[in-house]
Amino acid sequence: MQYISNYKSFIGDILLSADDVGLTGLWFEGQKYFALHLDRECEEKEIPLFEKVKHWLDIYFSGKEPDFDIPLHFTGTVFQNEVWKILCSIPYGHTMTYGEIAKKFALERGSGHMSAQAVGGAVGHNKISIIVPCHRVVGTNGSLTGYAGGVDKKIKLLNLEKADTSSFFIPKKGTAL
């Protein structure tokens, strides 16, 4: 059984989902892939995990780094789950490029190469925004792209974390990266 709850942040309303294992989703309302794969049979209920997640979000949105972990239940493919674990290793206030994630993935797997585009696909399908910090991933050339919640939210989250965004830019539509 999946449970859902809502959270209001200063950058938009958020839908949370969880099961008996952990948090399965955290989406900004209206974002790309909103509530994709959420069970049709879910119950709106304030379970203890949601209390913990909302406390984590309160701390985060106050501009501080939460000092406790949330139990997560990744429900993607094996590849996606491995990429999402790497996202969890990106420190608060820092960024990593798709290419760096691909290299790290290849090293951990003992393979010679991993496609940054394949990594980008997995990052883009992250179901647990903010806590699995896909907003900390940028293009190799410093482009701020690929955030399902919208680039405006990505910028706000990076600024909230006091990440150095001075060299980042938003590519114009139709621009090859």
N, C-alpha and C. Protein backbone atom coordinates (compact mmCIF):
# COMPACT_ATOMS: atom_id res chain seq x y z
N MET A 1 0.84 -1.18 0.00
CA MET A 1 0.00 0.00 0.00
C MET A 1 0.88 1.24 0.00
N GLN A 2 0.53 2.19 -0.85
CA GLN A 2 1.22 3.47 -0.85
C GLN A 2 0.35 4.51 -0.17
N TYR A 3 1.03 5.43 0.51
CA TYR A 3 0.37 6.53 1.20
C TYR A 3 0.85 7.83 0.59
N ILE A 4 0.01 8.85 0.63
CA ILE A 4 0.39 10.16 0.10
C ILE A 4 0.09 11.24 1.12
N SER A 5 0.81 12.34 0.99
CA SER A 5 0.60 13.52 1.82
C SER A 5 1.10 14.72 1.04
N ASN A 6 0.72 15.90 1.48
CA ASN A 6 1.11 17.14 0.80
C ASN A 6 1.96 18.00 1.72
N TYR A 7 2.82 18.79 1.09
CA TYR A 7 3.70 19.72 1.81
C TYR A 7 3.74 21.01 1.01
N LYS A 8 3.65 22.13 1.68
CA LYS A 8 3.73 23.43 1.01
C LYS A 8 5.11 24.03 1.26
N SER A 9 5.80 24.35 0.17
CA SER A 9 7.11 25.01 0.28
C SER A 9 7.00 26.39 -0.35
N PHE A 10 7.99 27.23 -0.13
CA PHE A 10 7.96 28.57 -0.70
C PHE A 10 8.19 28.57 -2.22
N ILE A 11 8.57 27.43 -2.78
CA ILE A 11 8.74 27.37 -4.24
C ILE A 11 7.71 26.47 -4.91
N GLY A 12 6.74 25.99 -4.15
CA GLY A 12 5.67 25.20 -4.76
C GLY A 12 5.18 24.09 -3.87
N ASP A 13 3.98 23.63 -4.18
CA ASP A 13 3.38 22.53 -3.44
C ASP A 13 4.05 21.22 -3.83
N ILE A 14 4.17 20.34 -2.85
CA ILE A 14 4.88 19.07 -3.02
C ILE A 14 3.96 17.92 -2.64
N LEU A 15 4.00 16.86 -3.44
CA LEU A 15 3.29 15.62 -3.13
C LEU A 15 4.32 14.60 -2.67
N LEU A 16 4.06 13.97 -1.53
CA LEU A 16 4.91 12.91 -0.98
C LEU A 16 4.21 11.58 -1.14
N SER A 17 4.99 10.52 -1.40
CA SER A 17 4.43 9.17 -1.38
C SER A 17 5.41 8.26 -0.66
N ALA A 18 4.85 7.25 0.00
CA ALA A 18 5.66 6.29 0.76
C ALA A 18 4.93 4.97 0.82
N ASP A 19 5.72 3.94 1.12
CA ASP A 19 5.14 2.63 1.41
C ASP A 19 5.72 2.18 2.75
N ASP A 20 5.58 0.92 3.06
CA ASP A 20 6.07 0.43 4.34
C ASP A 20 7.59 0.36 4.42
N VAL A 21 8.28 0.51 3.29
CA VAL A 21 9.75 0.45 3.26
C VAL A 21 10.36 1.84 3.44
N GLY A 22 9.79 2.84 2.76
CA GLY A 22 10.36 4.18 2.82
C GLY A 22 9.67 5.14 1.88
N LEU A 23 10.27 6.31 1.73
CA LEU A 23 9.75 7.35 0.84
C LEU A 23 9.92 6.88 -0.61
N THR A 24 8.85 6.93 -1.39
CA THR A 24 8.90 6.49 -2.79
C THR A 24 8.79 7.64 -3.77
N GLY A 25 8.32 8.80 -3.31
CA GLY A 25 8.16 9.92 -4.22
C GLY A 25 8.11 11.25 -3.51
N LEU A 26 8.63 12.27 -4.18
CA LEU A 26 8.57 13.65 -3.72
C LEU A 26 8.58 14.49 -4.99
N TRP A 27 7.41 15.00 -5.37
CA TRP A 27 7.28 15.74 -6.63
C TRP A 27 6.72 17.13 -6.38
N PHE A 28 7.23 18.10 -7.14
CA PHE A 28 6.61 19.42 -7.18
C PHE A 28 5.35 19.29 -8.03
N GLU A 29 4.28 19.89 -7.57
CA GLU A 29 3.03 19.83 -8.31
C GLU A 29 3.24 20.35 -9.73
N GLY A 30 2.79 19.55 -10.70
CA GLY A 30 2.88 19.94 -12.10
C GLY A 30 4.21 19.65 -12.78
N GLN A 31 5.17 19.09 -12.07
CA GLN A 31 6.47 18.83 -12.69
C GLN A 31 6.36 17.70 -13.71
N LYS A 32 7.35 17.59 -14.55
CA LYS A 32 7.43 16.50 -15.50
C LYS A 32 7.45 15.18 -14.73
N TYR A 33 6.72 14.19 -15.20
CA TYR A 33 6.61 12.87 -14.59
C TYR A 33 5.93 12.92 -13.21
N PHE A 34 5.09 13.95 -12.97
CA PHE A 34 4.41 14.10 -11.69
C PHE A 34 3.66 12.82 -11.33
N ALA A 35 3.99 12.26 -10.18
CA ALA A 35 3.33 11.08 -9.61
C ALA A 35 3.30 9.88 -10.55
N LEU A 36 4.24 9.84 -11.48
CA LEU A 36 4.33 8.70 -12.40
C LEU A 36 4.60 7.44 -11.59
N HIS A 37 3.90 6.39 -11.87
CA HIS A 37 4.01 5.10 -11.20
C HIS A 37 3.47 5.10 -9.77
N LEU A 38 2.75 6.14 -9.39
CA LEU A 38 2.08 6.12 -8.09
C LEU A 38 0.92 5.13 -8.20
N ASP A 39 0.80 4.26 -7.21
CA ASP A 39 -0.28 3.27 -7.23
C ASP A 39 -1.64 3.96 -7.32
N ARG A 40 -2.53 3.40 -8.14
CA ARG A 40 -3.89 3.93 -8.22
C ARG A 40 -4.59 3.80 -6.87
N GLU A 41 -4.26 2.74 -6.18
CA GLU A 41 -4.84 2.47 -4.86
C GLU A 41 -3.89 3.01 -3.80
N CYS A 42 -3.92 4.31 -3.58
CA CYS A 42 -3.09 4.89 -2.52
C CYS A 42 -4.02 5.62 -1.55
N GLU A 43 -3.52 5.80 -0.34
CA GLU A 43 -4.35 6.39 0.71
C GLU A 43 -3.68 7.66 1.22
N GLU A 44 -4.46 8.74 1.30
CA GLU A 44 -3.93 9.96 1.90
C GLU A 44 -3.98 9.77 3.41
N LYS A 45 -2.79 9.72 4.01
CA LYS A 45 -2.69 9.42 5.44
C LYS A 45 -1.39 9.97 5.99
N GLU A 46 -1.45 10.56 7.17
CA GLU A 46 -0.24 11.09 7.81
C GLU A 46 0.45 9.99 8.60
N ILE A 47 1.34 9.28 7.94
CA ILE A 47 2.11 8.22 8.59
C ILE A 47 3.34 8.84 9.28
N PRO A 48 3.95 8.15 10.25
CA PRO A 48 5.13 8.71 10.94
C PRO A 48 6.26 9.13 9.99
N LEU A 49 6.46 8.41 8.90
CA LEU A 49 7.52 8.78 7.96
C LEU A 49 7.28 10.17 7.38
N PHE A 50 6.04 10.51 7.09
CA PHE A 50 5.75 11.84 6.54
C PHE A 50 6.08 12.94 7.54
N GLU A 51 5.86 12.69 8.82
CA GLU A 51 6.26 13.65 9.85
C GLU A 51 7.76 13.93 9.77
N LYS A 52 8.53 12.84 9.63
CA LYS A 52 9.99 12.96 9.55
C LYS A 52 10.41 13.68 8.27
N VAL A 53 9.77 13.34 7.14
CA VAL A 53 10.10 13.99 5.86
C VAL A 53 9.77 15.48 5.93
N LYS A 54 8.63 15.83 6.49
CA LYS A 54 8.23 17.24 6.57
C LYS A 54 9.16 18.01 7.50
N HIS A 55 9.64 17.38 8.56
CA HIS A 55 10.62 18.03 9.43
C HIS A 55 11.92 18.25 8.65
N TRP A 56 12.35 17.25 7.88
CA TRP A 56 13.56 17.36 7.05
C TRP A 56 13.39 18.53 6.08
N LEU A 57 12.22 18.60 5.43
CA LEU A 57 11.97 19.69 4.47
C LEU A 57 11.92 21.05 5.16
N ASP A 58 11.34 21.13 6.34
CA ASP A 58 11.33 22.40 7.10
C ASP A 58 12.76 22.90 7.34
N ILE A 59 13.62 22.00 7.76
CA ILE A 59 15.03 22.36 7.99
C ILE A 59 15.67 22.78 6.68
N TYR A 60 15.47 21.98 5.63
CA TYR A 60 16.07 22.27 4.33
C TYR A 60 15.63 23.64 3.81
N PHE A 61 14.33 23.90 3.82
CA PHE A 61 13.82 25.17 3.29
C PHE A 61 14.13 26.36 4.19
N SER A 62 14.64 26.12 5.39
CA SER A 62 15.11 27.22 6.23
C SER A 62 16.55 27.61 5.88
N GLY A 63 17.13 26.88 4.89
CA GLY A 63 18.49 27.19 4.44
C GLY A 63 19.57 26.42 5.16
N LYS A 64 19.19 25.38 5.87
CA LYS A 64 20.16 24.57 6.60
C LYS A 64 20.18 23.15 6.03
N GLU A 65 21.29 22.48 6.23
CA GLU A 65 21.41 21.09 5.80
C GLU A 65 20.86 20.17 6.89
N PRO A 66 19.83 19.38 6.56
CA PRO A 66 19.31 18.43 7.56
C PRO A 66 20.40 17.44 7.95
N ASP A 67 20.43 17.07 9.23
CA ASP A 67 21.50 16.19 9.73
C ASP A 67 21.00 14.78 10.03
N PHE A 68 19.94 14.37 9.35
CA PHE A 68 19.44 13.00 9.51
C PHE A 68 18.95 12.50 8.15
N ASP A 69 18.93 11.19 8.01
CA ASP A 69 18.54 10.57 6.75
C ASP A 69 17.07 10.16 6.78
N ILE A 70 16.52 10.08 5.61
CA ILE A 70 15.15 9.62 5.41
C ILE A 70 15.22 8.23 4.81
N PRO A 71 14.45 7.26 5.31
CA PRO A 71 14.42 5.94 4.64
C PRO A 71 13.82 6.08 3.25
N LEU A 72 14.56 5.64 2.26
CA LEU A 72 14.13 5.74 0.87
C LEU A 72 13.82 4.36 0.31
N HIS A 73 12.85 4.31 -0.60
CA HIS A 73 12.55 3.07 -1.31
C HIS A 73 12.56 3.38 -2.80
N PHE A 74 13.72 3.12 -3.42
CA PHE A 74 13.85 3.35 -4.86
C PHE A 74 13.04 2.29 -5.60
N THR A 75 12.25 2.74 -6.56
CA THR A 75 11.40 1.82 -7.30
C THR A 75 11.65 1.88 -8.81
N GLY A 76 12.88 2.22 -9.17
CA GLY A 76 13.22 2.27 -10.59
C GLY A 76 13.92 1.00 -11.02
N THR A 77 14.55 1.08 -12.19
CA THR A 77 15.34 -0.04 -12.69
C THR A 77 16.62 -0.14 -11.87
N VAL A 78 17.34 -1.23 -12.02
CA VAL A 78 18.62 -1.40 -11.32
C VAL A 78 19.55 -0.24 -11.67
N PHE A 79 19.62 0.11 -12.95
CA PHE A 79 20.47 1.21 -13.41
C PHE A 79 20.05 2.53 -12.76
N GLN A 80 18.75 2.85 -12.81
CA GLN A 80 18.28 4.09 -12.20
C GLN A 80 18.59 4.13 -10.71
N ASN A 81 18.33 3.03 -10.02
CA ASN A 81 18.59 2.99 -8.58
C ASN A 81 20.05 3.26 -8.27
N GLU A 82 20.97 2.71 -9.08
CA GLU A 82 22.40 2.95 -8.85
C GLU A 82 22.77 4.41 -9.09
N VAL A 83 22.19 5.01 -10.12
CA VAL A 83 22.46 6.42 -10.39
C VAL A 83 21.90 7.28 -9.25
N TRP A 84 20.70 6.95 -8.77
CA TRP A 84 20.11 7.73 -7.69
C TRP A 84 20.92 7.62 -6.41
N LYS A 85 21.56 6.48 -6.17
CA LYS A 85 22.43 6.35 -5.00
C LYS A 85 23.63 7.29 -5.13
N ILE A 86 24.15 7.43 -6.36
CA ILE A 86 25.25 8.37 -6.58
C ILE A 86 24.78 9.80 -6.32
N LEU A 87 23.56 10.14 -6.75
CA LEU A 87 23.03 11.48 -6.50
C LEU A 87 23.03 11.78 -5.00
N CYS A 88 22.70 10.79 -4.21
CA CYS A 88 22.66 10.97 -2.75
C CYS A 88 24.03 11.28 -2.16
N SER A 89 25.09 11.00 -2.91
CA SER A 89 26.45 11.26 -2.41
C SER A 89 26.93 12.67 -2.74
N ILE A 90 26.17 13.43 -3.53
CA ILE A 90 26.58 14.80 -3.87
C ILE A 90 26.36 15.67 -2.63
N PRO A 91 27.41 16.28 -2.12
CA PRO A 91 27.27 17.06 -0.89
C PRO A 91 26.35 18.28 -1.05
N TYR A 92 25.70 18.63 0.02
CA TYR A 92 24.87 19.83 0.11
C TYR A 92 25.69 21.04 -0.34
N GLY A 93 25.11 21.86 -1.21
CA GLY A 93 25.79 23.08 -1.66
C GLY A 93 26.82 22.86 -2.76
N HIS A 94 26.93 21.65 -3.28
CA HIS A 94 27.87 21.34 -4.35
C HIS A 94 27.12 20.80 -5.56
N THR A 95 27.81 20.74 -6.68
CA THR A 95 27.21 20.18 -7.88
C THR A 95 28.14 19.14 -8.48
N MET A 96 27.57 18.36 -9.38
CA MET A 96 28.32 17.33 -10.11
C MET A 96 27.76 17.33 -11.52
N THR A 97 28.59 17.06 -12.50
CA THR A 97 28.11 17.02 -13.88
C THR A 97 27.61 15.61 -14.22
N TYR A 98 26.82 15.55 -15.27
CA TYR A 98 26.35 14.25 -15.76
C TYR A 98 27.55 13.37 -16.11
N GLY A 99 28.58 13.97 -16.71
CA GLY A 99 29.79 13.23 -17.06
C GLY A 99 30.52 12.69 -15.85
N GLU A 100 30.60 13.47 -14.78
CA GLU A 100 31.25 13.00 -13.55
C GLU A 100 30.48 11.83 -12.94
N ILE A 101 29.17 11.91 -12.99
CA ILE A 101 28.35 10.81 -12.47
C ILE A 101 28.58 9.56 -13.32
N ALA A 102 28.64 9.74 -14.64
CA ALA A 102 28.88 8.60 -15.54
C ALA A 102 30.22 7.95 -15.23
N LYS A 103 31.27 8.76 -15.01
CA LYS A 103 32.59 8.21 -14.67
C LYS A 103 32.56 7.46 -13.34
N LYS A 104 31.90 8.06 -12.35
CA LYS A 104 31.80 7.42 -11.04
C LYS A 104 31.05 6.09 -11.15
N PHE A 105 29.97 6.09 -11.92
CA PHE A 105 29.19 4.88 -12.13
C PHE A 105 30.06 3.80 -12.78
N ALA A 106 30.80 4.17 -13.82
CA ALA A 106 31.66 3.22 -14.53
C ALA A 106 32.73 2.66 -13.60
N LEU A 107 33.33 3.51 -12.77
CA LEU A 107 34.35 3.05 -11.82
C LEU A 107 33.76 2.08 -10.81
N GLU A 108 32.59 2.42 -10.27
CA GLU A 108 31.96 1.55 -9.28
C GLU A 108 31.57 0.20 -9.88
N ARG A 109 31.23 0.20 -11.16
CA ARG A 109 30.84 -1.02 -11.84
C ARG A 109 32.02 -1.78 -12.41
N GLY A 110 33.18 -1.13 -12.45
CA GLY A 110 34.36 -1.76 -13.02
C GLY A 110 34.32 -1.82 -14.53
N SER A 111 33.53 -0.94 -15.14
CA SER A 111 33.48 -0.90 -16.60
C SER A 111 34.24 0.32 -17.09
N GLY A 112 34.59 0.31 -18.35
CA GLY A 112 35.43 1.37 -18.88
C GLY A 112 34.70 2.67 -19.17
N HIS A 113 33.40 2.60 -19.49
CA HIS A 113 32.70 3.80 -19.91
C HIS A 113 31.22 3.70 -19.60
N MET A 114 30.63 4.84 -19.33
CA MET A 114 29.17 4.95 -19.17
C MET A 114 28.76 6.24 -19.86
N SER A 115 27.66 6.21 -20.54
CA SER A 115 27.15 7.35 -21.28
C SER A 115 26.56 8.40 -20.34
N ALA A 116 26.99 9.65 -20.53
CA ALA A 116 26.41 10.75 -19.74
C ALA A 116 24.93 10.93 -20.09
N GLN A 117 24.56 10.62 -21.34
CA GLN A 117 23.15 10.73 -21.74
C GLN A 117 22.30 9.70 -21.00
N ALA A 118 22.82 8.47 -20.84
CA ALA A 118 22.09 7.44 -20.10
C ALA A 118 21.91 7.87 -18.65
N VAL A 119 22.95 8.45 -18.08
CA VAL A 119 22.87 8.97 -16.72
C VAL A 119 21.82 10.07 -16.65
N GLY A 120 21.82 10.95 -17.65
CA GLY A 120 20.84 12.03 -17.69
C GLY A 120 19.41 11.52 -17.70
N GLY A 121 19.18 10.43 -18.42
CA GLY A 121 17.85 9.83 -18.45
C GLY A 121 17.43 9.33 -17.08
N ALA A 122 18.37 8.69 -16.37
CA ALA A 122 18.07 8.20 -15.02
C ALA A 122 17.85 9.36 -14.05
N VAL A 123 18.69 10.38 -14.13
CA VAL A 123 18.55 11.55 -13.26
C VAL A 123 17.19 12.20 -13.49
N GLY A 124 16.80 12.32 -14.76
CA GLY A 124 15.53 12.96 -15.10
C GLY A 124 14.31 12.21 -14.60
N HIS A 125 14.46 10.92 -14.35
CA HIS A 125 13.33 10.12 -13.86
C HIS A 125 13.38 9.90 -12.34
N ASN A 126 14.23 10.64 -11.64
CA ASN A 126 14.29 10.56 -10.19
C ASN A 126 12.91 10.91 -9.61
N LYS A 127 12.38 10.03 -8.80
CA LYS A 127 11.05 10.23 -8.23
C LYS A 127 11.07 10.94 -6.88
N ILE A 128 12.26 11.11 -6.30
CA ILE A 128 12.35 11.67 -4.95
C ILE A 128 13.18 12.96 -5.00
N SER A 129 12.58 14.01 -5.58
CA SER A 129 13.27 15.29 -5.72
C SER A 129 13.75 15.81 -4.37
N ILE A 130 14.72 16.67 -4.41
CA ILE A 130 15.33 17.37 -3.27
C ILE A 130 16.12 16.41 -2.37
N ILE A 131 15.46 15.41 -1.79
CA ILE A 131 16.16 14.48 -0.89
C ILE A 131 17.15 13.63 -1.67
N VAL A 132 16.77 13.21 -2.86
CA VAL A 132 17.71 12.63 -3.83
C VAL A 132 18.01 13.79 -4.77
N PRO A 133 19.13 14.49 -4.53
CA PRO A 133 19.34 15.84 -5.06
C PRO A 133 19.72 15.95 -6.54
N CYS A 134 18.77 15.64 -7.40
CA CYS A 134 19.02 15.76 -8.84
C CYS A 134 19.20 17.22 -9.25
N HIS A 135 18.75 18.16 -8.42
CA HIS A 135 18.96 19.58 -8.72
C HIS A 135 20.44 19.96 -8.66
N ARG A 136 21.27 19.12 -8.08
CA ARG A 136 22.71 19.39 -7.97
C ARG A 136 23.49 18.91 -9.19
N VAL A 137 22.79 18.42 -10.20
CA VAL A 137 23.46 17.92 -11.41
C VAL A 137 23.37 18.98 -12.50
N VAL A 138 24.52 19.28 -13.10
CA VAL A 138 24.61 20.31 -14.15
C VAL A 138 25.32 19.75 -15.37
N GLY A 139 25.17 20.46 -16.47
CA GLY A 139 25.87 20.07 -17.70
C GLY A 139 27.36 20.31 -17.56
N THR A 140 28.14 19.59 -18.33
CA THR A 140 29.60 19.71 -18.28
C THR A 140 30.06 21.14 -18.55
N ASN A 141 29.30 21.84 -19.41
CA ASN A 141 29.68 23.21 -19.77
C ASN A 141 29.09 24.25 -18.81
N GLY A 142 28.47 23.79 -17.72
CA GLY A 142 27.89 24.71 -16.74
C GLY A 142 26.43 25.04 -16.99
N SER A 143 25.82 24.34 -17.92
CA SER A 143 24.41 24.62 -18.21
C SER A 143 23.49 24.06 -17.14
N LEU A 144 22.50 24.85 -16.78
CA LEU A 144 21.49 24.42 -15.82
C LEU A 144 20.32 23.86 -16.61
N THR A 145 20.32 22.58 -16.77
CA THR A 145 19.31 21.94 -17.59
C THR A 145 18.85 20.66 -16.93
N GLY A 146 17.76 20.12 -17.40
CA GLY A 146 17.36 18.79 -17.01
C GLY A 146 16.72 18.63 -15.65
N TYR A 147 16.04 19.63 -15.12
CA TYR A 147 15.36 19.46 -13.84
C TYR A 147 13.87 19.37 -14.09
N ALA A 148 13.27 18.23 -13.71
CA ALA A 148 11.85 17.98 -13.98
C ALA A 148 10.94 19.02 -13.33
N GLY A 149 11.39 19.60 -12.22
CA GLY A 149 10.60 20.61 -11.53
C GLY A 149 10.69 21.98 -12.18
N GLY A 150 11.59 22.13 -13.14
CA GLY A 150 11.80 23.40 -13.82
C GLY A 150 13.11 24.04 -13.40
N VAL A 151 13.77 24.69 -14.36
CA VAL A 151 15.07 25.30 -14.09
C VAL A 151 14.95 26.40 -13.03
N ASP A 152 13.82 27.10 -12.99
CA ASP A 152 13.65 28.15 -11.98
C ASP A 152 13.73 27.57 -10.56
N LYS A 153 13.13 26.40 -10.36
CA LYS A 153 13.20 25.75 -9.04
C LYS A 153 14.62 25.25 -8.76
N LYS A 154 15.28 24.72 -9.79
CA LYS A 154 16.65 24.24 -9.64
C LYS A 154 17.55 25.38 -9.15
N ILE A 155 17.41 26.54 -9.75
CA ILE A 155 18.21 27.71 -9.36
C ILE A 155 17.90 28.10 -7.91
N LYS A 156 16.62 28.11 -7.55
CA LYS A 156 16.23 28.46 -6.17
C LYS A 156 16.81 27.47 -5.16
N LEU A 157 16.79 26.18 -5.50
CA LEU A 157 17.34 25.17 -4.58
C LEU A 157 18.85 25.33 -4.44
N LEU A 158 19.55 25.54 -5.56
CA LEU A 158 21.00 25.73 -5.49
C LEU A 158 21.36 27.00 -4.71
N ASN A 159 20.59 28.06 -4.93
CA ASN A 159 20.82 29.30 -4.18
C ASN A 159 20.53 29.11 -2.69
N LEU A 160 19.49 28.36 -2.37
CA LEU A 160 19.15 28.06 -0.97
C LEU A 160 20.32 27.36 -0.29
N GLU A 161 21.00 26.47 -1.02
CA GLU A 161 22.14 25.73 -0.49
C GLU A 161 23.44 26.55 -0.55
N LYS A 162 23.35 27.76 -1.08
CA LYS A 162 24.51 28.64 -1.24
C LYS A 162 25.58 28.03 -2.14
N ALA A 163 25.12 27.27 -3.14
CA ALA A 163 26.06 26.71 -4.13
C ALA A 163 26.56 27.85 -5.01
N ASP A 164 27.79 27.74 -5.47
CA ASP A 164 28.35 28.76 -6.36
C ASP A 164 27.75 28.56 -7.75
N THR A 165 26.82 29.42 -8.11
CA THR A 165 26.15 29.32 -9.41
C THR A 165 26.65 30.38 -10.39
N SER A 166 27.73 31.07 -10.05
CA SER A 166 28.20 32.19 -10.87
C SER A 166 28.61 31.78 -12.28
N SER A 167 29.06 30.54 -12.46
CA SER A 167 29.50 30.13 -13.80
C SER A 167 28.43 29.34 -14.55
N PHE A 168 27.24 29.20 -13.99
CA PHE A 168 26.18 28.44 -14.63
C PHE A 168 25.36 29.34 -15.56
N PHE A 169 24.71 28.73 -16.53
CA PHE A 169 23.84 29.47 -17.42
C PHE A 169 22.68 28.59 -17.84
N ILE A 170 21.63 29.25 -18.33
CA ILE A 170 20.47 28.52 -18.84
C ILE A 170 20.57 28.55 -20.37
N PRO A 171 20.68 27.37 -21.00
CA PRO A 171 20.81 27.35 -22.46
C PRO A 171 19.53 27.81 -23.14
N LYS A 172 19.67 28.46 -24.28
CA LYS A 172 18.51 28.89 -25.06
C LYS A 172 17.90 27.67 -25.72
N LYS A 173 16.59 27.68 -25.91
CA LYS A 173 15.91 26.56 -26.55
C LYS A 173 16.51 26.33 -27.92
N GLY A 174 16.72 25.05 -28.22
CA GLY A 174 17.26 24.66 -29.52
C GLY A 174 18.78 24.69 -29.58
N THR A 175 19.44 25.08 -28.47
CA THR A 175 20.89 25.14 -28.43
C THR A 175 21.45 23.74 -28.14
N ALA A 176 22.35 23.28 -28.95
CA ALA A 176 23.01 21.98 -28.70
C ALA A 176 24.03 22.18 -27.59
N LEU A 177 24.07 21.21 -26.68
CA LEU A 177 25.03 21.32 -25.56
C LEU A 177 26.22 20.45 -25.77
